[in-house]
Amino acid sequence: MFVLLIVAAAMSPGIFAQKVYSCQYKSDAEVKVFVSQYKSDADLVVYETKYKSEATDNSGVWYFCKYKSDADRKIYFCDYKSDADIVIYFSKYKSDAGWKKNEKKHLMYKKN
């Protein structure tokens, strides 16, 4: 029974983080991100949506919030790949969005 509750909670859209806020300072961020020019270098392929309602799970569809308090995760865009926690690639297509390296997927889960 306990295991079922954990699985159900993990599948709930409320614990995933894809509403992000871009911080001006590295010290304010929870996750440091580097944007690659090449899809093959990415840990995560990101599609930026204009609609908050589309950013409900940890699938790479991101909605950028205007206010820090609205975001599930605060990120900082690094200038160097070596400074980043994850490497992303922005795609023009929603169907491309998703994780390439699942071992880093936990970095974008929402903290409660």
N, C-alpha and C. Protein backbone atom coordinates (compact mmCIF):
# COMPACT_ATOMS: atom_id res chain seq x y z
N MET A 1 0.82 -1.19 0.00
CA MET A 1 0.00 0.00 0.00
C MET A 1 0.87 1.27 0.00
N PHE A 2 1.89 1.28 0.86
CA PHE A 2 2.80 2.43 0.94
C PHE A 2 3.50 2.67 -0.39
N VAL A 3 3.91 1.59 -1.05
CA VAL A 3 4.59 1.70 -2.35
C VAL A 3 3.65 2.31 -3.39
N LEU A 4 2.39 1.92 -3.35
CA LEU A 4 1.42 2.48 -4.29
C LEU A 4 1.24 3.98 -4.09
N LEU A 5 1.26 4.43 -2.84
CA LEU A 5 1.14 5.85 -2.56
C LEU A 5 2.33 6.63 -3.10
N ILE A 6 3.51 6.06 -2.96
CA ILE A 6 4.72 6.72 -3.48
C ILE A 6 4.67 6.80 -5.00
N VAL A 7 4.28 5.71 -5.64
CA VAL A 7 4.18 5.70 -7.10
C VAL A 7 3.14 6.70 -7.58
N ALA A 8 2.00 6.74 -6.92
CA ALA A 8 0.94 7.68 -7.29
C ALA A 8 1.41 9.12 -7.12
N ALA A 9 2.12 9.40 -6.04
CA ALA A 9 2.64 10.75 -5.81
C ALA A 9 3.67 11.13 -6.85
N ALA A 10 4.50 10.19 -7.23
CA ALA A 10 5.54 10.46 -8.22
C ALA A 10 4.96 10.74 -9.59
N MET A 11 3.80 10.17 -9.87
CA MET A 11 3.17 10.36 -11.18
C MET A 11 2.28 11.59 -11.21
N SER A 12 2.08 12.22 -10.08
CA SER A 12 1.24 13.41 -10.00
C SER A 12 1.92 14.58 -10.69
N PRO A 13 1.23 15.32 -11.55
CA PRO A 13 1.85 16.43 -12.25
C PRO A 13 2.32 17.55 -11.33
N GLY A 14 1.83 17.62 -10.12
CA GLY A 14 2.20 18.69 -9.20
C GLY A 14 3.64 18.65 -8.74
N ILE A 15 4.33 17.51 -8.81
CA ILE A 15 5.69 17.46 -8.30
C ILE A 15 6.74 17.68 -9.38
N PHE A 16 6.33 17.76 -10.60
CA PHE A 16 7.28 17.99 -11.68
C PHE A 16 7.51 19.48 -11.87
N ALA A 17 8.66 19.83 -12.37
CA ALA A 17 8.98 21.24 -12.52
C ALA A 17 9.34 21.56 -13.96
N GLN A 18 8.51 22.31 -14.58
CA GLN A 18 8.83 22.79 -15.91
C GLN A 18 8.45 24.26 -16.07
N LYS A 19 7.94 24.85 -15.02
CA LYS A 19 7.73 26.30 -15.01
C LYS A 19 9.01 26.87 -14.40
N VAL A 20 9.76 27.57 -15.22
CA VAL A 20 11.09 28.01 -14.80
C VAL A 20 11.19 29.53 -14.80
N TYR A 21 12.11 30.00 -13.97
CA TYR A 21 12.42 31.41 -13.89
C TYR A 21 13.92 31.55 -14.13
N SER A 22 14.29 32.43 -15.01
CA SER A 22 15.70 32.65 -15.33
C SER A 22 16.27 33.73 -14.41
N CYS A 23 17.18 33.31 -13.53
CA CYS A 23 17.79 34.22 -12.56
C CYS A 23 18.93 35.03 -13.19
N GLN A 24 19.11 36.20 -12.67
CA GLN A 24 20.20 37.06 -13.13
C GLN A 24 21.53 36.66 -12.50
N TYR A 25 21.46 36.08 -11.30
CA TYR A 25 22.68 35.71 -10.56
C TYR A 25 22.73 34.21 -10.30
N LYS A 26 23.91 33.64 -10.46
CA LYS A 26 24.12 32.21 -10.26
C LYS A 26 23.73 31.77 -8.85
N SER A 27 24.00 32.61 -7.87
CA SER A 27 23.71 32.27 -6.47
C SER A 27 22.22 32.15 -6.17
N ASP A 28 21.37 32.74 -6.99
CA ASP A 28 19.92 32.67 -6.80
C ASP A 28 19.30 31.41 -7.41
N ALA A 29 20.06 30.72 -8.24
CA ALA A 29 19.52 29.59 -9.01
C ALA A 29 19.63 28.27 -8.27
N GLU A 30 18.71 27.38 -8.59
CA GLU A 30 18.74 26.01 -8.09
C GLU A 30 19.45 25.09 -9.06
N VAL A 31 19.36 25.42 -10.35
CA VAL A 31 19.98 24.60 -11.39
C VAL A 31 20.71 25.51 -12.37
N LYS A 32 21.95 25.16 -12.67
CA LYS A 32 22.74 25.91 -13.65
C LYS A 32 22.65 25.20 -14.99
N VAL A 33 22.36 25.97 -16.04
CA VAL A 33 22.07 25.42 -17.36
C VAL A 33 22.99 26.03 -18.41
N PHE A 34 23.47 25.18 -19.31
CA PHE A 34 24.24 25.65 -20.46
C PHE A 34 23.45 25.29 -21.71
N VAL A 35 23.34 26.24 -22.63
CA VAL A 35 22.62 26.00 -23.89
C VAL A 35 23.61 25.62 -24.97
N SER A 36 23.42 24.43 -25.50
CA SER A 36 24.28 23.92 -26.56
C SER A 36 23.71 24.27 -27.93
N GLN A 37 24.58 24.42 -28.89
CA GLN A 37 24.15 24.64 -30.27
C GLN A 37 23.81 23.32 -30.96
N TYR A 38 24.17 22.22 -30.30
CA TYR A 38 24.00 20.91 -30.92
C TYR A 38 23.11 20.01 -30.06
N LYS A 39 22.11 19.45 -30.68
CA LYS A 39 21.18 18.55 -30.00
C LYS A 39 21.89 17.34 -29.42
N SER A 40 22.92 16.87 -30.09
CA SER A 40 23.64 15.67 -29.64
C SER A 40 24.41 15.89 -28.34
N ASP A 41 24.72 17.13 -27.99
CA ASP A 41 25.44 17.44 -26.74
C ASP A 41 24.51 17.56 -25.53
N ALA A 42 23.22 17.63 -25.77
CA ALA A 42 22.26 17.97 -24.72
C ALA A 42 21.92 16.80 -23.81
N ASP A 43 21.71 17.14 -22.52
CA ASP A 43 21.11 16.22 -21.56
C ASP A 43 19.60 16.25 -21.72
N LEU A 44 19.11 17.43 -22.10
CA LEU A 44 17.67 17.67 -22.22
C LEU A 44 17.40 18.54 -23.43
N VAL A 45 16.44 18.12 -24.25
CA VAL A 45 15.97 18.95 -25.36
C VAL A 45 14.73 19.68 -24.86
N VAL A 46 14.76 21.00 -24.97
CA VAL A 46 13.71 21.85 -24.41
C VAL A 46 12.91 22.52 -25.52
N TYR A 47 11.60 22.52 -25.33
CA TYR A 47 10.70 23.28 -26.17
C TYR A 47 10.07 24.36 -25.29
N GLU A 48 10.20 25.60 -25.69
CA GLU A 48 9.63 26.70 -24.91
C GLU A 48 8.19 26.96 -25.36
N THR A 49 7.26 26.84 -24.42
CA THR A 49 5.85 27.07 -24.72
C THR A 49 5.41 28.44 -24.23
N LYS A 50 4.39 28.97 -24.85
CA LYS A 50 3.82 30.25 -24.45
C LYS A 50 2.72 30.08 -23.40
N TYR A 51 2.36 28.80 -23.14
CA TYR A 51 1.22 28.52 -22.28
C TYR A 51 1.65 27.76 -21.02
N LYS A 52 1.36 28.33 -19.86
CA LYS A 52 1.72 27.72 -18.58
C LYS A 52 1.10 26.33 -18.43
N SER A 53 -0.09 26.15 -18.96
CA SER A 53 -0.82 24.88 -18.81
C SER A 53 -0.14 23.71 -19.54
N GLU A 54 0.72 23.99 -20.49
CA GLU A 54 1.43 22.93 -21.22
C GLU A 54 2.67 22.44 -20.47
N ALA A 55 3.11 23.19 -19.49
CA ALA A 55 4.33 22.86 -18.74
C ALA A 55 3.98 22.16 -17.44
N THR A 56 3.51 20.92 -17.55
CA THR A 56 3.00 20.23 -16.38
C THR A 56 3.83 19.03 -15.93
N ASP A 57 4.78 18.61 -16.71
CA ASP A 57 5.57 17.44 -16.30
C ASP A 57 7.03 17.66 -16.65
N ASN A 58 7.83 16.70 -16.36
CA ASN A 58 9.28 16.82 -16.55
C ASN A 58 9.69 16.26 -17.91
N SER A 59 9.05 16.77 -18.96
CA SER A 59 9.26 16.24 -20.30
C SER A 59 10.06 17.17 -21.21
N GLY A 60 10.48 18.31 -20.69
CA GLY A 60 11.26 19.23 -21.51
C GLY A 60 10.47 20.37 -22.10
N VAL A 61 9.18 20.45 -21.80
CA VAL A 61 8.37 21.58 -22.24
C VAL A 61 8.42 22.61 -21.13
N TRP A 62 9.07 23.73 -21.41
CA TRP A 62 9.29 24.76 -20.40
C TRP A 62 8.45 25.99 -20.66
N TYR A 63 7.95 26.54 -19.57
CA TYR A 63 7.29 27.84 -19.59
C TYR A 63 8.11 28.77 -18.72
N PHE A 64 8.55 29.90 -19.27
CA PHE A 64 9.35 30.85 -18.52
C PHE A 64 8.43 31.84 -17.81
N CYS A 65 8.49 31.83 -16.50
CA CYS A 65 7.67 32.69 -15.65
C CYS A 65 8.26 34.10 -15.57
N LYS A 66 7.39 35.05 -15.45
CA LYS A 66 7.82 36.45 -15.29
C LYS A 66 8.29 36.71 -13.86
N TYR A 67 7.70 35.97 -12.91
CA TYR A 67 8.01 36.17 -11.51
C TYR A 67 8.60 34.91 -10.89
N LYS A 68 9.60 35.10 -10.06
CA LYS A 68 10.30 34.00 -9.40
C LYS A 68 9.34 33.13 -8.58
N SER A 69 8.38 33.75 -7.93
CA SER A 69 7.45 33.04 -7.06
C SER A 69 6.51 32.10 -7.82
N ASP A 70 6.33 32.32 -9.10
CA ASP A 70 5.45 31.46 -9.92
C ASP A 70 6.16 30.21 -10.42
N ALA A 71 7.47 30.20 -10.35
CA ALA A 71 8.26 29.12 -10.94
C ALA A 71 8.41 27.92 -10.02
N ASP A 72 8.54 26.75 -10.64
CA ASP A 72 8.85 25.53 -9.91
C ASP A 72 10.36 25.39 -9.71
N ARG A 73 11.11 25.90 -10.66
CA ARG A 73 12.58 25.83 -10.60
C ARG A 73 13.17 27.16 -11.05
N LYS A 74 14.22 27.57 -10.34
CA LYS A 74 14.95 28.78 -10.72
C LYS A 74 16.25 28.33 -11.38
N ILE A 75 16.50 28.83 -12.58
CA ILE A 75 17.68 28.41 -13.34
C ILE A 75 18.57 29.61 -13.66
N TYR A 76 19.82 29.31 -13.92
CA TYR A 76 20.78 30.32 -14.33
C TYR A 76 21.47 29.81 -15.59
N PHE A 77 21.54 30.64 -16.61
CA PHE A 77 22.19 30.26 -17.86
C PHE A 77 23.69 30.57 -17.77
N CYS A 78 24.49 29.52 -17.80
CA CYS A 78 25.96 29.63 -17.71
C CYS A 78 26.57 29.94 -19.08
N ASP A 79 27.72 30.57 -19.03
CA ASP A 79 28.48 30.84 -20.25
C ASP A 79 29.35 29.65 -20.66
N TYR A 80 29.64 28.79 -19.70
CA TYR A 80 30.53 27.66 -19.95
C TYR A 80 29.88 26.34 -19.57
N LYS A 81 30.03 25.36 -20.43
CA LYS A 81 29.47 24.04 -20.22
C LYS A 81 29.95 23.40 -18.92
N SER A 82 31.20 23.64 -18.58
CA SER A 82 31.79 23.04 -17.37
C SER A 82 31.17 23.58 -16.07
N ASP A 83 30.52 24.74 -16.13
CA ASP A 83 29.88 25.33 -14.95
C ASP A 83 28.45 24.82 -14.74
N ALA A 84 27.89 24.14 -15.74
CA ALA A 84 26.48 23.79 -15.73
C ALA A 84 26.18 22.45 -15.07
N ASP A 85 24.98 22.37 -14.49
CA ASP A 85 24.47 21.11 -13.97
C ASP A 85 23.88 20.27 -15.10
N ILE A 86 23.19 20.95 -16.02
CA ILE A 86 22.64 20.26 -17.19
C ILE A 86 22.91 21.07 -18.45
N VAL A 87 22.99 20.36 -19.56
CA VAL A 87 23.17 20.97 -20.88
C VAL A 87 21.86 20.78 -21.63
N ILE A 88 21.33 21.89 -22.16
CA ILE A 88 20.07 21.82 -22.89
C ILE A 88 20.26 22.28 -24.33
N TYR A 89 19.31 21.90 -25.14
CA TYR A 89 19.23 22.35 -26.53
C TYR A 89 17.79 22.81 -26.74
N PHE A 90 17.59 24.02 -27.26
CA PHE A 90 16.25 24.52 -27.55
C PHE A 90 15.82 24.06 -28.93
N SER A 91 14.66 23.41 -28.98
CA SER A 91 14.11 22.92 -30.24
C SER A 91 12.91 23.77 -30.64
N LYS A 92 12.68 23.86 -31.93
CA LYS A 92 11.51 24.57 -32.45
C LYS A 92 10.26 23.70 -32.41
N TYR A 93 10.48 22.40 -32.14
CA TYR A 93 9.38 21.44 -32.21
C TYR A 93 9.11 20.79 -30.85
N LYS A 94 7.86 20.82 -30.45
CA LYS A 94 7.46 20.23 -29.17
C LYS A 94 7.73 18.73 -29.13
N SER A 95 7.60 18.08 -30.26
CA SER A 95 7.80 16.62 -30.33
C SER A 95 9.25 16.22 -30.06
N ASP A 96 10.20 17.13 -30.19
CA ASP A 96 11.61 16.85 -29.92
C ASP A 96 11.94 16.89 -28.43
N ALA A 97 11.10 17.54 -27.64
CA ALA A 97 11.39 17.76 -26.23
C ALA A 97 11.50 16.44 -25.47
N GLY A 98 12.49 16.38 -24.58
CA GLY A 98 12.64 15.20 -23.74
C GLY A 98 14.07 15.02 -23.25
N TRP A 99 14.21 14.12 -22.30
CA TRP A 99 15.52 13.85 -21.70
C TRP A 99 16.33 12.89 -22.55
N LYS A 100 17.59 13.23 -22.74
CA LYS A 100 18.54 12.35 -23.44
C LYS A 100 19.37 11.58 -22.42
N LYS A 101 19.56 12.16 -21.24
CA LYS A 101 20.32 11.53 -20.16
C LYS A 101 19.45 11.53 -18.91
N ASN A 102 18.82 10.41 -18.65
CA ASN A 102 17.88 10.30 -17.53
C ASN A 102 18.52 10.46 -16.16
N GLU A 103 19.84 10.25 -16.06
CA GLU A 103 20.48 10.37 -14.74
C GLU A 103 20.48 11.80 -14.21
N LYS A 104 20.17 12.77 -15.05
CA LYS A 104 20.10 14.16 -14.60
C LYS A 104 18.67 14.67 -14.46
N LYS A 105 17.73 13.81 -14.71
CA LYS A 105 16.31 14.17 -14.70
C LYS A 105 15.86 14.70 -13.33
N HIS A 106 16.43 14.17 -12.28
CA HIS A 106 16.04 14.58 -10.92
C HIS A 106 16.30 16.06 -10.64
N LEU A 107 17.20 16.66 -11.38
CA LEU A 107 17.54 18.07 -11.15
C LEU A 107 16.38 19.03 -11.42
N MET A 108 15.45 18.59 -12.26
CA MET A 108 14.34 19.46 -12.60
C MET A 108 13.04 19.13 -11.88
N TYR A 109 13.08 18.16 -10.95
CA TYR A 109 11.89 17.90 -10.15
C TYR A 109 11.68 19.04 -9.18
N LYS A 110 10.44 19.36 -8.93
CA LYS A 110 10.08 20.44 -8.03
C LYS A 110 10.41 20.05 -6.59
N LYS A 111 10.98 20.97 -5.87
CA LYS A 111 11.22 20.77 -4.44
C LYS A 111 9.97 21.19 -3.68
N ASN A 112 9.57 20.39 -2.73
CA ASN A 112 8.38 20.73 -1.94
C ASN A 112 8.75 21.49 -0.70
